Amino acid sequence: MIDLRLLREDPDRVRASQRARGEDVDLVDALLSADERRRSSGLRFDELRSEQKQLGKLIPKAAPEERAELLKKAEQLKADVKAADAEQHEADEEARRLLLLLGNIVHEDVPVGGEEDFVVLETHGTVRDFAAEGFEPKDHLELGESLGAIDVERGAKVSGSRFYYLTGVGALLELALVNAAIAQATEAGFIPMLTPALVRPRAMEGTGFLGQAAENVYHLEKDDYYLVGTSEVPLAAYHMDEIIEAEKLPLRYAGFSPCFRREAGTYGKDTRGIFRVHQFDKVEMFSYVAPEDAEAEHLRLLEWEKQWLTSLELPFQVIDVATGDLGSSASRKYDCEAWIPTQGKYRELTSASNCDSFQARRLSVRMRESADGKKTVQPLATLNGTLCAVPRTIVAILENHQLADGSVRVPPVLRPYLGGREILEPIAK
């Protein structure tokens, strides 16, 4: 959530952010009104409570002829205090409800617009000219099936559409990717983590996934648990309700977990193969930093993602995601999109988001620092960055590194995790 002081002091900035996101601007005024009601009802409660305490001191000392009147007044004050407390609680709940609906304040440099209004910042690698090489590229599913690596037919039989099996070298390729990604993250100073796939509502709400993203979340109603769509959720909640000493920052974690997404609203999109699926594994980077270090950390996460994709020898571009495609928690997001030959375009493989103190405020994660002999406690900043979303990375590797005979060259960074294999070859049918 945003800082209420910012809302009070600069509501026009919050309105502009909501407008840029394409979200409800009237929410700002509704929240301002609720906040004013919350503060005035709180003040009213404090005044009545003070008066009640003063009256409580007078009654024992009052003369008998005055005591009856004071007791009558005390009864009325008791009712007034109870009513004021209820009003304060109601106003506080309403203000909090509205505050949770408000997205993070968009960074001033983010391009304004929808999904297609991103700005390309960088392009890396060379897109292969398959025509010059004398053959038509196969898509990842055709390659994966011939390699004995992907089985979507049986995935659909067992679980329905958008499910799959990785088999043989497909399973080995996933394990190689995960191990290589964790090795890079560990070398960069991240602490490896295996995180829960089920979380309580507060963890999901605290990271901002029960707002506009709620339609894509799986909820187990009987137990009131949520299946995570990214290990960002349990990593953000890892220090929930804690105070971290400033000298321990930054804290960096690399989480590996299964991820589950309903993919609501994507009917007819990417229905072939494993590019868009309901369940997949992912390695996610997550950072806790001081607020003033958040923008620099954001660029560091992006550099680690670029390093990873470069090590896989994939052509890719970096985009500055537009305001309407940010997600409620992020103030700014960079995506790395790999070239997919059979689609003839770049597609998202990784994202790096700066959430400032938005998630930390919702999850009550704070930092304590000392200055001039005084200790202060304030929300810190959180950031996240995908290092390896496995299925999409497999798609990019198979299509970009395929050879004319249907085999696939293994990038050198993965070979130590694949028993030294340099080539994945089709299996005999």
Protein backbone atom coordinates (compact mmCIF):
# COMPACT_ATOMS: atom_id res chain seq x y z
CA MET A 1 0.00 0.00 0.00
CA ILE A 2 1.10 3.59 -0.47
CA ASP A 3 2.01 6.00 2.33
CA LEU A 4 -1.15 7.82 3.48
CA ARG A 5 0.93 10.94 4.08
CA LEU A 6 1.68 11.06 0.36
CA LEU A 7 -2.03 10.77 -0.40
CA ARG A 8 -2.84 13.67 1.94
CA GLU A 9 0.03 15.89 0.81
CA ASP A 10 -0.05 15.23 -2.94
CA PRO A 11 -3.37 13.66 -4.00
CA ASP A 12 -2.89 14.91 -7.58
CA ARG A 13 0.16 12.68 -7.96
CA VAL A 14 -1.86 9.68 -6.82
CA ARG A 15 -4.70 10.62 -9.18
CA ALA A 16 -2.22 10.90 -12.07
CA SER A 17 -0.82 7.47 -11.23
CA GLN A 18 -4.27 5.89 -11.18
CA ARG A 19 -5.10 7.58 -14.49
CA ALA A 20 -1.87 6.33 -16.06
CA ARG A 21 -2.67 2.78 -14.91
CA GLY A 22 -6.13 3.03 -16.44
CA GLU A 23 -7.67 2.50 -13.01
CA ASP A 24 -10.37 4.25 -10.99
CA VAL A 25 -9.34 7.84 -10.22
CA ASP A 26 -12.41 8.39 -8.01
CA LEU A 27 -10.89 5.88 -5.59
CA VAL A 28 -8.43 8.58 -4.50
CA ASP A 29 -11.19 10.94 -3.34
CA ALA A 30 -13.11 8.11 -1.69
CA LEU A 31 -9.97 7.17 0.23
CA LEU A 32 -9.30 10.78 1.22
CA SER A 33 -12.84 11.02 2.57
CA ALA A 34 -12.52 7.73 4.45
CA ASP A 35 -9.17 8.79 5.89
CA GLU A 36 -10.64 12.08 7.12
CA ARG A 37 -13.54 10.21 8.70
CA ARG A 38 -11.11 7.77 10.32
CA ARG A 39 -9.03 10.57 11.82
CA SER A 40 -12.01 12.66 13.00
CA SER A 41 -13.72 9.63 14.55
CA GLY A 42 -10.46 8.73 16.26
CA LEU A 43 -10.18 12.24 17.65
CA ARG A 44 -13.82 12.11 18.81
CA PHE A 45 -13.16 8.77 20.55
CA ASP A 46 -10.06 10.14 22.32
CA GLU A 47 -11.96 13.21 23.54
CA LEU A 48 -14.84 11.15 24.89
CA ARG A 49 -12.51 8.63 26.49
CA SER A 50 -10.60 11.45 28.20
CA GLU A 51 -13.83 12.96 29.45
CA GLN A 52 -14.92 9.54 30.73
CA LYS A 53 -11.69 9.10 32.67
CA GLN A 54 -11.98 12.56 34.23
CA LEU A 55 -15.56 11.86 35.22
CA GLY A 56 -14.49 8.55 36.74
CA LYS A 57 -12.15 10.44 39.06
CA LEU A 58 -14.87 12.91 40.14
CA ILE A 59 -17.58 10.41 41.06
CA PRO A 60 -15.88 8.97 44.21
CA LYS A 61 -15.27 12.49 45.48
CA ALA A 62 -18.72 13.89 44.69
CA ALA A 63 -21.26 14.76 47.30
CA PRO A 64 -24.20 12.34 47.55
CA GLU A 65 -26.62 14.84 45.99
CA GLU A 66 -24.28 15.25 42.95
CA ARG A 67 -23.30 11.62 42.53
CA ALA A 68 -26.60 10.48 40.97
CA GLU A 69 -26.32 13.09 38.24
CA LEU A 70 -22.67 12.20 37.61
CA LEU A 71 -23.50 8.49 37.41
CA LYS A 72 -26.23 9.25 34.90
CA LYS A 73 -23.74 11.26 32.85
CA ALA A 74 -21.21 8.43 33.14
CA GLU A 75 -23.75 5.98 31.69
CA GLN A 76 -24.34 8.29 28.74
CA LEU A 77 -20.61 8.74 28.23
CA LYS A 78 -20.14 4.99 28.28
CA ALA A 79 -22.66 4.64 25.47
CA ASP A 80 -21.08 7.53 23.55
CA VAL A 81 -17.58 6.02 23.91
CA LYS A 82 -18.84 2.65 22.69
CA ALA A 83 -20.51 4.28 19.69
CA ALA A 84 -17.42 6.36 18.90
CA ASP A 85 -15.22 3.26 19.14
CA ALA A 86 -17.49 1.42 16.70
CA GLU A 87 -17.48 4.37 14.32
CA GLN A 88 -13.68 4.62 14.55
CA HIS A 89 -13.32 0.90 13.82
CA GLU A 90 -15.73 1.08 10.90
CA ALA A 91 -13.96 4.12 9.43
CA ASP A 92 -10.56 2.48 9.88
CA GLU A 93 -11.75 -0.69 8.14
CA GLU A 94 -13.20 1.31 5.24
CA ALA A 95 -10.00 3.34 4.82
CA ARG A 96 -7.91 0.16 4.85
CA ARG A 97 -10.22 -1.55 2.35
CA LEU A 98 -9.90 1.36 -0.07
CA LEU A 99 -6.17 1.66 0.50
CA LEU A 100 -5.70 -1.98 -0.49
CA LEU A 101 -7.47 -1.28 -3.78
CA LEU A 102 -5.03 1.49 -4.70
CA GLY A 103 -2.08 0.56 -6.90
CA ASN A 104 1.51 1.61 -6.28
CA ILE A 105 2.57 5.05 -7.46
CA VAL A 106 3.92 4.74 -10.99
CA HIS A 107 7.49 5.94 -11.55
CA GLU A 108 7.53 9.19 -13.50
CA ASP A 109 9.67 7.72 -16.32
CA VAL A 110 7.38 4.77 -17.09
CA PRO A 111 5.79 5.00 -20.57
CA VAL A 112 2.05 5.65 -20.36
CA GLY A 113 -0.32 3.27 -22.08
CA GLY A 114 -1.41 -0.34 -22.41
CA GLU A 115 0.27 -3.66 -23.11
CA GLU A 116 1.56 -2.63 -26.54
CA ASP A 117 2.88 0.79 -25.47
CA PHE A 118 6.18 -0.43 -24.00
CA VAL A 119 9.49 1.15 -24.96
CA VAL A 120 12.38 -0.99 -26.23
CA LEU A 121 15.50 -0.06 -24.26
CA GLU A 122 18.08 -2.56 -25.55
CA THR A 123 18.47 -5.41 -28.03
CA HIS A 124 20.99 -8.23 -27.53
CA GLY A 125 22.18 -11.11 -29.69
CA THR A 126 21.60 -11.91 -33.35
CA VAL A 127 18.38 -13.34 -34.74
CA ARG A 128 19.18 -16.36 -36.89
CA ASP A 129 18.35 -16.31 -40.60
CA PHE A 130 17.06 -19.86 -41.06
CA ALA A 131 16.36 -19.27 -44.75
CA ALA A 132 20.04 -18.49 -45.30
CA GLU A 133 20.85 -21.74 -43.48
CA GLY A 134 18.60 -23.61 -45.89
CA PHE A 135 15.80 -24.91 -43.67
CA GLU A 136 12.46 -23.95 -42.16
CA PRO A 137 12.56 -23.81 -38.32
CA LYS A 138 10.28 -26.18 -36.42
CA ASP A 139 8.30 -24.95 -33.43
CA HIS A 140 9.19 -26.05 -29.90
CA LEU A 141 6.41 -28.62 -29.67
CA GLU A 142 7.41 -30.45 -32.85
CA LEU A 143 11.03 -30.38 -31.70
CA GLY A 144 10.13 -31.43 -28.16
CA GLU A 145 8.05 -34.37 -29.33
CA SER A 146 10.76 -35.62 -31.70
CA LEU A 147 13.33 -35.35 -28.89
CA GLY A 148 11.06 -37.27 -26.53
CA ALA A 149 11.12 -34.17 -24.29
CA ILE A 150 7.53 -32.86 -24.24
CA ASP A 151 4.21 -34.71 -24.04
CA VAL A 152 1.18 -32.40 -24.06
CA GLU A 153 -1.25 -35.06 -25.29
CA ARG A 154 -0.94 -37.11 -22.13
CA GLY A 155 -0.78 -33.92 -20.05
CA ALA A 156 -4.21 -32.98 -21.42
CA LYS A 157 -5.51 -36.52 -20.87
CA VAL A 158 -4.51 -36.46 -17.21
CA SER A 159 -5.07 -32.81 -16.23
CA GLY A 160 -6.71 -30.92 -19.09
CA SER A 161 -5.55 -28.22 -21.47
CA ARG A 162 -2.38 -26.23 -20.73
CA PHE A 163 -0.81 -29.11 -18.81
CA TYR A 164 2.14 -31.19 -20.00
CA TYR A 165 4.80 -33.72 -19.14
CA LEU A 166 8.51 -33.06 -19.54
CA THR A 167 10.03 -36.44 -20.32
CA GLY A 168 13.54 -37.79 -20.89
CA VAL A 169 15.85 -35.00 -21.99
CA GLY A 170 13.01 -32.52 -21.37
CA ALA A 171 13.06 -33.33 -17.66
CA LEU A 172 16.86 -33.26 -17.68
CA LEU A 173 16.82 -29.90 -19.45
CA GLU A 174 14.57 -28.43 -16.75
CA LEU A 175 16.88 -29.68 -14.00
CA ALA A 176 19.89 -28.31 -15.88
CA LEU A 177 18.24 -24.89 -16.22
CA VAL A 178 17.27 -24.75 -12.55
CA ASN A 179 20.73 -25.81 -11.37
CA ALA A 180 22.50 -23.35 -13.68
CA ALA A 181 20.17 -20.51 -12.65
CA ILE A 182 20.63 -21.23 -8.93
CA ALA A 183 24.40 -21.43 -9.46
CA GLN A 184 24.43 -17.97 -11.06
CA ALA A 185 22.22 -16.52 -8.34
CA THR A 186 24.33 -18.05 -5.57
CA GLU A 187 27.51 -16.68 -7.14
CA ALA A 188 25.85 -13.23 -7.17
CA GLY A 189 25.18 -13.48 -3.43
CA PHE A 190 21.58 -14.71 -3.35
CA ILE A 191 20.56 -17.22 -0.67
CA PRO A 192 18.90 -20.23 -2.35
CA MET A 193 15.40 -20.99 -1.05
CA LEU A 194 12.84 -23.74 -1.59
CA THR A 195 9.56 -22.03 -0.77
CA PRO A 196 5.98 -23.14 0.08
CA ALA A 197 3.57 -23.41 -2.83
CA LEU A 198 0.56 -22.87 -0.53
CA VAL A 199 0.18 -19.60 1.39
CA ARG A 200 -2.37 -17.99 3.67
CA PRO A 201 -4.56 -15.12 2.45
CA ARG A 202 -2.50 -12.42 4.14
CA ALA A 203 0.63 -13.40 2.21
CA MET A 204 -1.22 -13.31 -1.10
CA GLU A 205 -3.02 -10.06 -0.27
CA GLY A 206 0.14 -8.48 1.10
CA THR A 207 2.02 -8.95 -2.14
CA GLY A 208 -0.83 -7.46 -4.16
CA PHE A 209 -2.11 -10.59 -5.92
CA LEU A 210 -5.70 -10.43 -4.66
CA GLY A 211 -6.48 -7.22 -6.51
CA GLN A 212 -6.45 -7.04 -10.29
CA ALA A 213 -4.54 -10.36 -10.48
CA ALA A 214 -7.06 -12.31 -8.36
CA GLU A 215 -8.74 -13.92 -11.38
CA ASN A 216 -5.53 -15.80 -12.14
CA VAL A 217 -5.04 -17.17 -8.61
CA TYR A 218 -6.06 -20.67 -7.54
CA HIS A 219 -7.88 -20.65 -4.19
CA LEU A 220 -8.45 -23.78 -2.09
CA GLU A 221 -11.65 -22.65 -0.39
CA LYS A 222 -12.01 -25.56 2.01
CA ASP A 223 -8.65 -24.82 3.66
CA ASP A 224 -8.42 -21.10 2.73
CA TYR A 225 -5.02 -21.48 1.11
CA TYR A 226 -3.79 -20.02 -2.16
CA LEU A 227 -1.52 -21.71 -4.69
CA VAL A 228 1.27 -19.26 -5.52
CA GLY A 229 1.76 -18.01 -9.06
CA THR A 230 5.35 -17.10 -8.22
CA SER A 231 7.72 -17.62 -5.30
CA GLU A 232 7.72 -13.82 -4.99
CA VAL A 233 4.74 -14.34 -2.66
CA PRO A 234 6.37 -16.57 0.00
CA LEU A 235 9.66 -14.69 -0.37
CA ALA A 236 7.96 -11.33 0.27
CA ALA A 237 6.13 -12.79 3.27
CA TYR A 238 9.26 -14.48 4.65
CA HIS A 239 10.02 -11.45 6.87
CA MET A 240 6.37 -10.49 7.46
CA ASP A 241 5.85 -8.66 10.77
CA GLU A 242 9.61 -8.36 11.32
CA ILE A 243 12.03 -5.48 11.84
CA ILE A 244 15.35 -5.90 10.04
CA GLU A 245 18.45 -4.02 11.12
CA ALA A 246 19.59 -1.67 8.34
CA GLU A 247 23.15 -2.99 8.39
CA LYS A 248 21.87 -6.44 7.32
CA LEU A 249 20.49 -5.03 4.07
CA PRO A 250 20.40 -5.87 1.26
CA LEU A 251 18.91 -9.32 1.79
CA ARG A 252 18.72 -11.32 -1.44
CA TYR A 253 16.96 -14.66 -1.93
CA ALA A 254 16.66 -16.94 -4.96
CA GLY A 255 13.51 -19.01 -4.63
CA PHE A 256 12.68 -22.14 -6.60
CA SER A 257 9.05 -23.26 -6.59
CA PRO A 258 6.21 -24.65 -8.64
CA CYS A 259 3.90 -21.89 -9.87
CA PHE A 260 0.18 -22.09 -10.65
CA ARG A 261 -1.83 -19.68 -12.80
CA ARG A 262 -5.39 -19.94 -14.03
CA GLU A 263 -4.56 -17.94 -17.18
CA ALA A 264 -8.03 -16.40 -17.10
CA GLY A 265 -8.71 -14.08 -20.02
CA THR A 266 -6.23 -15.84 -22.34
CA TYR A 267 -8.69 -18.06 -24.20
CA GLY A 268 -7.25 -18.85 -27.62
CA LYS A 269 -3.80 -17.43 -26.84
CA ASP A 270 -0.69 -19.62 -27.00
CA THR A 271 -2.72 -22.80 -26.94
CA ARG A 272 -0.03 -24.85 -28.69
CA GLY A 273 2.82 -26.29 -26.67
CA ILE A 274 4.12 -25.13 -23.30
CA PHE A 275 4.54 -21.37 -23.63
CA ARG A 276 1.42 -20.52 -21.57
CA VAL A 277 0.53 -23.20 -19.02
CA HIS A 278 -1.26 -23.63 -15.69
CA GLN A 279 1.68 -25.13 -13.79
CA PHE A 280 5.40 -24.52 -14.19
CA ASP A 281 8.61 -24.20 -12.21
CA LYS A 282 10.55 -20.98 -11.80
CA VAL A 283 13.65 -19.51 -10.18
CA GLU A 284 12.85 -16.06 -8.77
CA MET A 285 15.19 -13.42 -7.37
CA PHE A 286 13.92 -11.31 -4.47
CA SER A 287 15.57 -8.38 -2.71
CA TYR A 288 14.92 -6.44 0.51
CA VAL A 289 16.73 -3.08 0.42
CA ALA A 290 16.62 0.38 1.95
CA PRO A 291 14.15 2.59 0.02
CA GLU A 292 16.89 4.87 -1.29
CA ASP A 293 18.65 1.86 -2.85
CA ALA A 294 15.61 0.46 -4.67
CA GLU A 295 16.21 1.96 -8.12
CA ALA A 296 19.84 0.83 -8.19
CA GLU A 297 18.82 -2.66 -7.06
CA HIS A 298 16.22 -2.74 -9.83
CA LEU A 299 18.95 -2.21 -12.42
CA ARG A 300 21.10 -4.88 -10.75
CA LEU A 301 18.27 -7.43 -11.03
CA LEU A 302 17.91 -6.56 -14.70
CA GLU A 303 21.65 -7.03 -15.25
CA TRP A 304 21.52 -10.49 -13.68
CA GLU A 305 18.64 -11.42 -15.97
CA LYS A 306 20.55 -10.16 -19.02
CA GLN A 307 23.60 -12.13 -17.90
CA TRP A 308 21.47 -15.28 -17.68
CA LEU A 309 19.86 -14.92 -21.10
CA THR A 310 23.22 -14.06 -22.66
CA SER A 311 24.72 -17.22 -21.13
CA LEU A 312 21.94 -19.21 -22.85
CA GLU A 313 22.93 -17.52 -26.14
CA LEU A 314 19.39 -16.27 -26.76
CA PRO A 315 18.63 -13.12 -28.76
CA PHE A 316 16.47 -10.84 -26.62
CA GLN A 317 15.26 -7.30 -26.07
CA VAL A 318 14.70 -5.31 -22.87
CA ILE A 319 11.51 -3.29 -22.60
CA ASP A 320 10.23 -0.65 -20.18
CA VAL A 321 6.70 -1.93 -19.48
CA ALA A 322 3.90 0.64 -19.89
CA THR A 323 1.77 1.83 -16.97
CA GLY A 324 -1.33 -0.17 -17.87
CA ASP A 325 0.59 -3.46 -17.82
CA LEU A 326 2.54 -3.04 -14.57
CA GLY A 327 0.57 -4.97 -11.98
CA SER A 328 -0.62 -3.20 -8.84
CA SER A 329 2.54 -3.66 -6.75
CA ALA A 330 5.17 -2.42 -9.20
CA SER A 331 6.13 1.21 -9.71
CA ARG A 332 8.29 0.16 -12.67
CA LYS A 333 8.96 -3.10 -14.50
CA TYR A 334 11.51 -4.20 -17.06
CA ASP A 335 10.86 -7.30 -19.16
CA CYS A 336 13.42 -9.31 -21.10
CA GLU A 337 11.79 -10.81 -24.18
CA ALA A 338 13.48 -13.61 -26.14
CA TRP A 339 13.11 -14.03 -29.87
CA ILE A 340 10.86 -16.98 -30.79
CA PRO A 341 11.65 -17.89 -34.42
CA THR A 342 8.40 -19.61 -35.37
CA GLN A 343 6.35 -16.74 -33.95
CA GLY A 344 8.55 -14.12 -35.58
CA LYS A 345 8.54 -11.92 -32.50
CA TYR A 346 9.98 -11.35 -29.04
CA ARG A 347 8.12 -12.90 -26.11
CA GLU A 348 8.50 -12.30 -22.37
CA LEU A 349 10.91 -14.61 -20.54
CA THR A 350 11.84 -12.58 -17.47
CA SER A 351 10.57 -9.56 -15.53
CA ALA A 352 12.16 -7.30 -12.93
CA SER A 353 9.87 -5.17 -10.77
CA ASN A 354 10.50 -2.40 -8.26
CA CYS A 355 7.73 -2.45 -5.66
CA ASP A 356 9.25 0.31 -3.46
CA SER A 357 7.67 0.05 0.03
CA PHE A 358 4.26 -1.01 -1.33
CA GLN A 359 4.48 -4.68 -0.32
CA ALA A 360 6.50 -3.99 2.83
CA ARG A 361 3.76 -1.71 4.20
CA ARG A 362 1.09 -4.33 3.57
CA LEU A 363 3.19 -7.11 5.12
CA SER A 364 4.65 -4.97 7.93
CA VAL A 365 8.28 -5.56 6.99
CA ARG A 366 10.38 -2.73 8.40
CA MET A 367 13.98 -1.68 8.80
CA ARG A 368 15.64 -0.06 11.81
CA GLU A 369 18.52 2.34 11.39
CA SER A 370 20.46 4.64 13.68
CA ALA A 371 21.28 8.27 12.91
CA ASP A 372 22.55 10.96 15.28
CA GLY A 373 22.13 8.62 18.21
CA LYS A 374 18.45 8.00 17.40
CA LYS A 375 16.88 4.84 16.09
CA THR A 376 14.10 5.03 13.51
CA VAL A 377 11.87 2.31 12.08
CA GLN A 378 10.34 2.55 8.61
CA PRO A 379 9.12 0.27 5.80
CA LEU A 380 11.89 -0.99 3.54
CA ALA A 381 11.65 -1.68 -0.21
CA THR A 382 11.12 -4.99 -2.00
CA LEU A 383 12.01 -5.99 -5.56
CA ASN A 384 11.62 -9.16 -7.57
CA GLY A 385 13.05 -10.53 -10.78
CA THR A 386 12.41 -13.74 -12.68
CA LEU A 387 15.65 -15.53 -13.48
CA CYS A 388 14.27 -18.63 -15.16
CA ALA A 389 10.64 -19.46 -15.95
CA VAL A 390 11.39 -23.00 -17.11
CA PRO A 391 8.83 -23.82 -19.86
CA ARG A 392 9.25 -20.53 -21.72
CA THR A 393 13.02 -20.83 -21.48
CA ILE A 394 12.83 -24.35 -22.91
CA VAL A 395 10.70 -22.97 -25.77
CA ALA A 396 13.33 -20.34 -26.55
CA ILE A 397 16.25 -22.78 -26.32
CA LEU A 398 14.68 -25.44 -28.55
CA GLU A 399 13.65 -23.00 -31.26
CA ASN A 400 16.77 -20.83 -31.30
CA HIS A 401 19.32 -23.64 -31.06
CA GLN A 402 17.70 -26.16 -33.41
CA LEU A 403 19.66 -27.69 -36.26
CA ALA A 404 18.50 -28.76 -39.71
CA ASP A 405 18.22 -32.45 -38.75
CA GLY A 406 15.84 -31.72 -35.84
CA SER A 407 18.51 -31.94 -33.15
CA VAL A 408 19.18 -29.07 -30.73
CA ARG A 409 22.52 -27.62 -29.69
CA VAL A 410 23.00 -27.28 -25.92
CA PRO A 411 24.37 -23.90 -24.75
CA PRO A 412 27.76 -24.41 -23.04
CA VAL A 413 26.46 -23.05 -19.70
CA LEU A 414 24.05 -26.03 -19.45
CA ARG A 415 26.38 -28.81 -20.56
CA PRO A 416 27.91 -29.54 -17.13
CA TYR A 417 24.37 -30.17 -15.85
CA LEU A 418 23.54 -32.47 -18.77
CA GLY A 419 26.43 -34.86 -18.43
CA GLY A 420 28.49 -32.93 -20.98
CA ARG A 421 25.95 -33.30 -23.79
CA GLU A 422 26.48 -30.85 -26.62
CA ILE A 423 23.54 -31.99 -28.75
CA LEU A 424 20.03 -33.21 -27.97
CA GLU A 425 19.09 -35.68 -30.68
CA PRO A 426 15.70 -36.96 -31.91
CA ILE A 427 14.74 -40.37 -30.62
CA ALA A 428 13.90 -43.25 -32.92
CA LYS A 429 10.17 -43.86 -33.24
